């Protein structure tokens, strides 16, 4: 379980996050919604250790991870799929997947079979360079690379951005499968309301660095959420 406890985050004098509290549980999808520039990516940077928090605490399975480097948080089980994918374009698909081995003990340095079941196109393209894949295929590769790490928490930053509808459907199927497995807590940051509403167990809408609306799956279906995102 991941607990974000009343965190503030600054870039210089500018405050990006204000009193953010969030819980992400295994077997559930928690979604953070909001327009561009409201602080969603700053929240993920705080969780993954790329930006320090000024106040509050981030706790993973009962252990505070404030002050830990991104690599240390990865070893504890935080898998991150960044906005823009950030795959290695000159490495092959197989080599990109193997970069996920870094936080693992030697005995676990292999690609689980269910990754190829979720994203069969990757098995057919193992020898192709990452930069030769389409945007949607690169997104699948980025998610697969994070899953190679056997994460306890999977953090996804706008995985549908710029992706063709058929692959959005595949990504949705993968998230459902991982949720239903019950051993991964999934934090999804998204702008695409219709994609998010089919997946979430709980959600929070962000504006100006703070949550202005929170609720469960049933509340997600109301017009209040859609209205908050369109204001």
C-alpha atoms as a PDB file:
ATOM      1  CA  UNK A   1       0.000   0.000   0.000  1.00  0.00           C
ATOM      2  CA  UNK A   2       1.140   3.530  -0.814  1.00  0.00           C
ATOM      3  CA  UNK A   3       0.147   6.379   1.502  1.00  0.00           C
ATOM      4  CA  UNK A   4       0.754   9.996   0.533  1.00  0.00           C
ATOM      5  CA  UNK A   5       0.277  12.045   3.683  1.00  0.00           C
ATOM      6  CA  UNK A   6      -0.394  15.780   3.463  1.00  0.00           C
ATOM      7  CA  UNK A   7       2.515  16.655   1.172  1.00  0.00           C
ATOM      8  CA  UNK A   8       3.559  20.066  -0.100  1.00  0.00           C
ATOM      9  CA  UNK A   9       5.982  20.486  -2.980  1.00  0.00           C
ATOM     10  CA  UNK A  10       7.744  23.579  -4.305  1.00  0.00           C
ATOM     11  CA  UNK A  11       9.758  24.529  -7.360  1.00  0.00           C
ATOM     12  CA  UNK A  12      11.709  27.453  -5.957  1.00  0.00           C
ATOM     13  CA  UNK A  13       9.114  29.905  -4.613  1.00  0.00           C
ATOM     14  CA  UNK A  14       6.273  28.365  -6.630  1.00  0.00           C
ATOM     15  CA  UNK A  15       4.108  25.856  -4.771  1.00  0.00           C
ATOM     16  CA  UNK A  16       3.081  22.926  -6.990  1.00  0.00           C
ATOM     17  CA  UNK A  17       1.309  20.694  -4.424  1.00  0.00           C
ATOM     18  CA  UNK A  18      -0.755  21.737  -1.414  1.00  0.00           C
ATOM     19  CA  UNK A  19      -1.652  19.281   1.323  1.00  0.00           C
ATOM     20  CA  UNK A  20      -2.075  16.251  -0.937  1.00  0.00           C
ATOM     21  CA  UNK A  21      -3.264  13.074   0.791  1.00  0.00           C
ATOM     22  CA  UNK A  22      -3.847   9.876  -1.171  1.00  0.00           C
ATOM     23  CA  UNK A  23      -4.006   6.117  -0.575  1.00  0.00           C
ATOM     24  CA  UNK A  24      -3.281   3.541  -3.284  1.00  0.00           C
ATOM     25  CA  UNK A  25      -4.228  -0.035  -2.365  1.00  0.00           C
ATOM     26  CA  UNK A  26      -3.305  -3.416  -3.902  1.00  0.00           C
ATOM     27  CA  UNK A  27      -5.951  -4.774  -6.241  1.00  0.00           C
ATOM     28  CA  UNK A  28      -7.375  -1.327  -6.907  1.00  0.00           C
ATOM     29  CA  UNK A  29      -6.928   1.500  -9.420  1.00  0.00           C
ATOM     30  CA  UNK A  30      -6.694   4.984  -7.968  1.00  0.00           C
ATOM     31  CA  UNK A  31      -6.958   7.741 -10.565  1.00  0.00           C
ATOM     32  CA  UNK A  32      -5.808  11.359 -10.357  1.00  0.00           C
ATOM     33  CA  UNK A  33      -7.609  13.518 -12.897  1.00  0.00           C
ATOM     34  CA  UNK A  34      -7.019  17.090 -13.990  1.00  0.00           C
ATOM     35  CA  UNK A  35      -6.133  19.397 -16.817  1.00  0.00           C
ATOM     36  CA  UNK A  36      -2.561  20.195 -17.891  1.00  0.00           C
ATOM     37  CA  UNK A  37      -0.501  22.148 -15.410  1.00  0.00           C
ATOM     38  CA  UNK A  38      -2.505  21.435 -12.248  1.00  0.00           C
ATOM     39  CA  UNK A  39       0.222  19.374 -10.524  1.00  0.00           C
ATOM     40  CA  UNK A  40      -0.460  15.777 -11.546  1.00  0.00           C
ATOM     41  CA  UNK A  41       3.050  15.043 -12.790  1.00  0.00           C
ATOM     42  CA  UNK A  42       4.539  16.873  -9.792  1.00  0.00           C
ATOM     43  CA  UNK A  43       2.686  14.418  -7.561  1.00  0.00           C
ATOM     44  CA  UNK A  44       4.188  11.478  -9.431  1.00  0.00           C
ATOM     45  CA  UNK A  45       7.659  13.032  -9.290  1.00  0.00           C
ATOM     46  CA  UNK A  46       7.268  13.309  -5.526  1.00  0.00           C
ATOM     47  CA  UNK A  47       6.163   9.668  -5.210  1.00  0.00           C
ATOM     48  CA  UNK A  48       8.965   8.332  -7.405  1.00  0.00           C
ATOM     49  CA  UNK A  49      11.653  10.461  -5.738  1.00  0.00           C
ATOM     50  CA  UNK A  50      12.451  12.808  -8.600  1.00  0.00           C
ATOM     51  CA  UNK A  51      11.381  15.862  -6.610  1.00  0.00           C
ATOM     52  CA  UNK A  52      11.655  16.271  -2.810  1.00  0.00           C
ATOM     53  CA  UNK A  53       8.629  17.256  -0.761  1.00  0.00           C
ATOM     54  CA  UNK A  54       8.754  20.233   1.590  1.00  0.00           C
ATOM     55  CA  UNK A  55       6.255  18.829   4.074  1.00  0.00           C
ATOM     56  CA  UNK A  56       4.372  15.611   4.727  1.00  0.00           C
ATOM     57  CA  UNK A  57       5.344  11.989   4.211  1.00  0.00           C
ATOM     58  CA  UNK A  58       5.215   9.267   1.568  1.00  0.00           C
ATOM     59  CA  UNK A  59       4.878   5.773   3.018  1.00  0.00           C
ATOM     60  CA  UNK A  60       5.200   2.444   1.182  1.00  0.00           C
ATOM     61  CA  UNK A  61       3.988  -0.633   3.054  1.00  0.00           C
ATOM     62  CA  UNK A  62       4.514   1.088   6.405  1.00  0.00           C
ATOM     63  CA  UNK A  63       7.973   2.473   5.586  1.00  0.00           C
ATOM     64  CA  UNK A  64       8.614   6.165   4.985  1.00  0.00           C
ATOM     65  CA  UNK A  65      10.413   6.612   1.668  1.00  0.00           C
ATOM     66  CA  UNK A  66      10.992  10.353   1.998  1.00  0.00           C
ATOM     67  CA  UNK A  67      14.621  11.064   1.195  1.00  0.00           C
ATOM     68  CA  UNK A  68      15.151   7.861  -0.799  1.00  0.00           C
ATOM     69  CA  UNK A  69      16.516   8.123  -4.335  1.00  0.00           C
ATOM     70  CA  UNK A  70      14.401   6.978  -7.316  1.00  0.00           C
ATOM     71  CA  UNK A  71      16.553   3.854  -7.669  1.00  0.00           C
ATOM     72  CA  UNK A  72      16.006   2.962  -4.009  1.00  0.00           C
ATOM     73  CA  UNK A  73      12.247   3.420  -4.369  1.00  0.00           C
ATOM     74  CA  UNK A  74      12.322   1.191  -7.450  1.00  0.00           C
ATOM     75  CA  UNK A  75      14.023  -1.541  -5.408  1.00  0.00           C
ATOM     76  CA  UNK A  76      11.245  -1.251  -2.831  1.00  0.00           C
ATOM     77  CA  UNK A  77       8.650  -1.824  -5.536  1.00  0.00           C
ATOM     78  CA  UNK A  78       7.628   1.441  -7.241  1.00  0.00           C
ATOM     79  CA  UNK A  79       7.378   1.003 -11.006  1.00  0.00           C
ATOM     80  CA  UNK A  80       7.006   4.220 -13.029  1.00  0.00           C
ATOM     81  CA  UNK A  81       5.722   4.727 -16.565  1.00  0.00           C
ATOM     82  CA  UNK A  82       6.478   8.395 -17.295  1.00  0.00           C
ATOM     83  CA  UNK A  83       4.583  10.717 -19.572  1.00  0.00           C
ATOM     84  CA  UNK A  84       6.238  10.538 -22.973  1.00  0.00           C
ATOM     85  CA  UNK A  85       7.270   6.894 -22.404  1.00  0.00           C
ATOM     86  CA  UNK A  86      11.066   7.571 -22.313  1.00  0.00           C
ATOM     87  CA  UNK A  87      12.070   4.264 -23.844  1.00  0.00           C
ATOM     88  CA  UNK A  88      15.617   3.911 -25.212  1.00  0.00           C
ATOM     89  CA  UNK A  89      15.231   4.402 -28.990  1.00  0.00           C
ATOM     90  CA  UNK A  90      18.568   2.847 -29.991  1.00  0.00           C
ATOM     91  CA  UNK A  91      18.142  -0.268 -27.853  1.00  0.00           C
ATOM     92  CA  UNK A  92      16.133  -3.225 -29.058  1.00  0.00           C
ATOM     93  CA  UNK A  93      12.790  -4.085 -27.499  1.00  0.00           C
ATOM     94  CA  UNK A  94      14.493  -6.955 -25.643  1.00  0.00           C
ATOM     95  CA  UNK A  95      17.210  -4.637 -24.336  1.00  0.00           C
ATOM     96  CA  UNK A  96      14.636  -2.059 -23.242  1.00  0.00           C
ATOM     97  CA  UNK A  97      12.825  -4.740 -21.261  1.00  0.00           C
ATOM     98  CA  UNK A  98      16.089  -5.859 -19.685  1.00  0.00           C
ATOM     99  CA  UNK A  99      16.690  -2.371 -18.280  1.00  0.00           C
ATOM    100  CA  UNK A 100      13.882  -3.263 -15.874  1.00  0.00           C
ATOM    101  CA  UNK A 101      16.176  -5.901 -14.344  1.00  0.00           C
ATOM    102  CA  UNK A 102      18.260  -3.270 -12.517  1.00  0.00           C
ATOM    103  CA  UNK A 103      16.436  -3.351  -9.141  1.00  0.00           C
ATOM    104  CA  UNK A 104      15.939  -7.139  -9.161  1.00  0.00           C
ATOM    105  CA  UNK A 105      18.030  -9.904  -7.566  1.00  0.00           C
ATOM    106  CA  UNK A 106      19.817 -12.033 -10.147  1.00  0.00           C
ATOM    107  CA  UNK A 107      17.404 -14.971  -9.809  1.00  0.00           C
ATOM    108  CA  UNK A 108      14.478 -12.792 -10.896  1.00  0.00           C
ATOM    109  CA  UNK A 109      16.108 -11.248 -13.965  1.00  0.00           C
ATOM    110  CA  UNK A 110      13.801 -12.629 -16.615  1.00  0.00           C
ATOM    111  CA  UNK A 111      10.702 -11.335 -18.407  1.00  0.00           C
ATOM    112  CA  UNK A 112       7.515 -12.914 -16.982  1.00  0.00           C
ATOM    113  CA  UNK A 113       5.377 -14.709 -19.551  1.00  0.00           C
ATOM    114  CA  UNK A 114       2.259 -12.690 -18.762  1.00  0.00           C
ATOM    115  CA  UNK A 115       3.929  -9.565 -20.146  1.00  0.00           C
ATOM    116  CA  UNK A 116       3.911 -11.118 -23.604  1.00  0.00           C
ATOM    117  CA  UNK A 117       0.328 -12.248 -23.058  1.00  0.00           C
ATOM    118  CA  UNK A 118      -0.663  -8.658 -22.300  1.00  0.00           C
ATOM    119  CA  UNK A 119       1.388  -7.161 -25.133  1.00  0.00           C
ATOM    120  CA  UNK A 120       1.972  -9.900 -27.743  1.00  0.00           C
ATOM    121  CA  UNK A 121       3.291  -7.397 -30.302  1.00  0.00           C
ATOM    122  CA  UNK A 122       6.426  -6.991 -28.182  1.00  0.00           C
ATOM    123  CA  UNK A 123       7.319 -10.682 -28.491  1.00  0.00           C
ATOM    124  CA  UNK A 124       7.195 -10.319 -32.271  1.00  0.00           C
ATOM    125  CA  UNK A 125       9.473  -7.254 -32.175  1.00  0.00           C
ATOM    126  CA  UNK A 126      12.146  -8.235 -29.649  1.00  0.00           C
ATOM    127  CA  UNK A 127      14.997  -7.553 -32.084  1.00  0.00           C
ATOM    128  CA  UNK A 128      13.643  -4.257 -33.402  1.00  0.00           C
ATOM    129  CA  UNK A 129      14.925  -0.975 -32.024  1.00  0.00           C
ATOM    130  CA  UNK A 130      12.605   0.859 -29.678  1.00  0.00           C
ATOM    131  CA  UNK A 131      12.712   3.960 -31.848  1.00  0.00           C
ATOM    132  CA  UNK A 132      11.266   2.005 -34.785  1.00  0.00           C
ATOM    133  CA  UNK A 133       8.048   1.211 -32.908  1.00  0.00           C
ATOM    134  CA  UNK A 134       4.888   3.279 -33.233  1.00  0.00           C
ATOM    135  CA  UNK A 135       3.899   5.573 -30.375  1.00  0.00           C
ATOM    136  CA  UNK A 136       1.355   3.077 -29.110  1.00  0.00           C
ATOM    137  CA  UNK A 137       3.838   0.206 -29.261  1.00  0.00           C
ATOM    138  CA  UNK A 138       6.375   2.315 -27.371  1.00  0.00           C
ATOM    139  CA  UNK A 139       3.775   2.926 -24.669  1.00  0.00           C
ATOM    140  CA  UNK A 140       3.187  -0.807 -24.387  1.00  0.00           C
ATOM    141  CA  UNK A 141       6.963  -1.277 -24.126  1.00  0.00           C
ATOM    142  CA  UNK A 142       7.201   1.351 -21.365  1.00  0.00           C
ATOM    143  CA  UNK A 143       4.481  -0.370 -19.344  1.00  0.00           C
ATOM    144  CA  UNK A 144       6.058  -3.785 -19.924  1.00  0.00           C
ATOM    145  CA  UNK A 145       9.469  -2.474 -18.810  1.00  0.00           C
ATOM    146  CA  UNK A 146       7.916  -1.287 -15.526  1.00  0.00           C
ATOM    147  CA  UNK A 147       6.201  -4.661 -15.039  1.00  0.00           C
ATOM    148  CA  UNK A 148       9.504  -6.495 -15.506  1.00  0.00           C
ATOM    149  CA  UNK A 149      10.492  -4.928 -12.161  1.00  0.00           C
ATOM    150  CA  UNK A 150       7.668  -6.845 -10.365  1.00  0.00           C
ATOM    151  CA  UNK A 151       6.326  -3.609  -8.867  1.00  0.00           C
ATOM    152  CA  UNK A 152       4.182  -3.426  -5.763  1.00  0.00           C
ATOM    153  CA  UNK A 153       2.933  -0.023  -6.951  1.00  0.00           C
ATOM    154  CA  UNK A 154       2.551   0.783 -10.656  1.00  0.00           C
ATOM    155  CA  UNK A 155       2.484   4.510 -11.438  1.00  0.00           C
ATOM    156  CA  UNK A 156       1.154   5.467 -14.885  1.00  0.00           C
ATOM    157  CA  UNK A 157       1.406   9.061 -16.120  1.00  0.00           C
ATOM    158  CA  UNK A 158      -1.207   9.631 -18.856  1.00  0.00           C
ATOM    159  CA  UNK A 159      -0.687   6.329 -20.704  1.00  0.00           C
ATOM    160  CA  UNK A 160      -3.332   7.178 -23.336  1.00  0.00           C
ATOM    161  CA  UNK A 161      -1.739  10.450 -24.457  1.00  0.00           C
ATOM    162  CA  UNK A 162      -1.289  10.461 -28.238  1.00  0.00           C
ATOM    163  CA  UNK A 163      -2.204   6.771 -28.573  1.00  0.00           C
ATOM    164  CA  UNK A 164      -4.472   5.236 -31.199  1.00  0.00           C
ATOM    165  CA  UNK A 165      -7.831   3.891 -29.937  1.00  0.00           C
ATOM    166  CA  UNK A 166      -7.006   0.206 -30.528  1.00  0.00           C
ATOM    167  CA  UNK A 167      -3.946   0.390 -28.280  1.00  0.00           C
ATOM    168  CA  UNK A 168      -5.821   2.425 -25.656  1.00  0.00           C
ATOM    169  CA  UNK A 169      -8.174  -0.557 -25.474  1.00  0.00           C
ATOM    170  CA  UNK A 170      -5.206  -2.926 -25.043  1.00  0.00           C
ATOM    171  CA  UNK A 171      -3.775  -0.754 -22.260  1.00  0.00           C
ATOM    172  CA  UNK A 172      -7.156  -0.719 -20.517  1.00  0.00           C
ATOM    173  CA  UNK A 173      -7.280  -4.516 -20.720  1.00  0.00           C
ATOM    174  CA  UNK A 174      -3.779  -4.731 -19.213  1.00  0.00           C
ATOM    175  CA  UNK A 175      -4.704  -2.439 -16.305  1.00  0.00           C
ATOM    176  CA  UNK A 176      -7.822  -4.518 -15.561  1.00  0.00           C
ATOM    177  CA  UNK A 177      -5.769  -7.716 -15.601  1.00  0.00           C
ATOM    178  CA  UNK A 178      -3.192  -6.265 -13.215  1.00  0.00           C
ATOM    179  CA  UNK A 179      -5.880  -4.902 -10.901  1.00  0.00           C
ATOM    180  CA  UNK A 180      -7.699  -8.228 -10.809  1.00  0.00           C
ATOM    181  CA  UNK A 181      -4.475 -10.065  -9.996  1.00  0.00           C
ATOM    182  CA  UNK A 182      -4.744  -8.330  -6.643  1.00  0.00           C
ATOM    183  CA  UNK A 183      -1.057  -7.890  -5.812  1.00  0.00           C
ATOM    184  CA  UNK A 184      -0.337  -4.511  -7.439  1.00  0.00           C
ATOM    185  CA  UNK A 185      -1.564  -1.092  -6.342  1.00  0.00           C
ATOM    186  CA  UNK A 186      -2.148   1.048  -9.460  1.00  0.00           C
ATOM    187  CA  UNK A 187      -1.965   4.842  -9.538  1.00  0.00           C
ATOM    188  CA  UNK A 188      -3.247   6.208 -12.841  1.00  0.00           C
ATOM    189  CA  UNK A 189      -2.897   9.872 -13.832  1.00  0.00           C
ATOM    190  CA  UNK A 190      -5.213  10.656 -16.718  1.00  0.00           C
ATOM    191  CA  UNK A 191      -7.029  13.394 -18.635  1.00  0.00           C
ATOM    192  CA  UNK A 192      -9.114  11.029 -20.766  1.00  0.00           C
ATOM    193  CA  UNK A 193     -12.277  10.781 -18.661  1.00  0.00           C
ATOM    194  CA  UNK A 194     -13.973   7.981 -20.591  1.00  0.00           C
ATOM    195  CA  UNK A 195     -10.894   5.754 -20.275  1.00  0.00           C
ATOM    196  CA  UNK A 196     -10.491   6.415 -16.557  1.00  0.00           C
ATOM    197  CA  UNK A 197     -14.127   5.955 -15.555  1.00  0.00           C
ATOM    198  CA  UNK A 198     -14.150   2.331 -16.748  1.00  0.00           C
ATOM    199  CA  UNK A 199     -11.154   1.399 -14.613  1.00  0.00           C
ATOM    200  CA  UNK A 200     -11.140   3.313 -11.354  1.00  0.00           C
ATOM    201  CA  UNK A 201     -12.008   2.163  -7.862  1.00  0.00           C
ATOM    202  CA  UNK A 202     -11.369   5.628  -6.437  1.00  0.00           C
ATOM    203  CA  UNK A 203     -10.404   8.982  -7.883  1.00  0.00           C
ATOM    204  CA  UNK A 204      -9.306  12.518  -7.047  1.00  0.00           C
ATOM    205  CA  UNK A 205      -9.667  15.610  -9.243  1.00  0.00           C
ATOM    206  CA  UNK A 206      -6.802  18.082  -8.965  1.00  0.00           C
ATOM    207  CA  UNK A 207      -6.845  21.842  -9.476  1.00  0.00           C
ATOM    208  CA  UNK A 208      -3.971  24.216  -8.700  1.00  0.00           C
ATOM    209  CA  UNK A 209      -1.999  21.642  -6.800  1.00  0.00           C
ATOM    210  CA  UNK A 210      -4.754  20.376  -4.526  1.00  0.00           C
ATOM    211  CA  UNK A 211      -7.614  17.897  -4.637  1.00  0.00           C
ATOM    212  CA  UNK A 212     -11.010  19.510  -5.099  1.00  0.00           C
ATOM    213  CA  UNK A 213     -13.165  16.409  -5.572  1.00  0.00           C
ATOM    214  CA  UNK A 214     -12.681  12.794  -4.474  1.00  0.00           C
ATOM    215  CA  UNK A 215     -14.864   9.716  -4.606  1.00  0.00           C
ATOM    216  CA  UNK A 216     -15.357   6.104  -5.618  1.00  0.00           C
ATOM    217  CA  UNK A 217     -16.319   4.391  -8.880  1.00  0.00           C
ATOM    218  CA  UNK A 218     -20.005   5.207  -8.524  1.00  0.00           C
ATOM    219  CA  UNK A 219     -19.363   8.912  -7.985  1.00  0.00           C
ATOM    220  CA  UNK A 220     -17.051   8.906 -10.997  1.00  0.00           C
ATOM    221  CA  UNK A 221     -20.105   8.310 -13.189  1.00  0.00           C
ATOM    222  CA  UNK A 222     -21.714  11.613 -12.166  1.00  0.00           C
ATOM    223  CA  UNK A 223     -21.589  14.814 -14.147  1.00  0.00           C
ATOM    224  CA  UNK A 224     -19.797  16.588 -11.285  1.00  0.00           C
ATOM    225  CA  UNK A 225     -16.508  14.975 -12.229  1.00  0.00           C
ATOM    226  CA  UNK A 226     -16.793  15.715 -15.940  1.00  0.00           C
ATOM    227  CA  UNK A 227     -17.814  19.277 -15.104  1.00  0.00           C
ATOM    228  CA  UNK A 228     -14.775  19.735 -12.841  1.00  0.00           C
ATOM    229  CA  UNK A 229     -12.477  18.665 -15.664  1.00  0.00           C
ATOM    230  CA  UNK A 230     -14.055  21.025 -18.196  1.00  0.00           C
ATOM    231  CA  UNK A 231     -14.083  24.211 -16.102  1.00  0.00           C
END
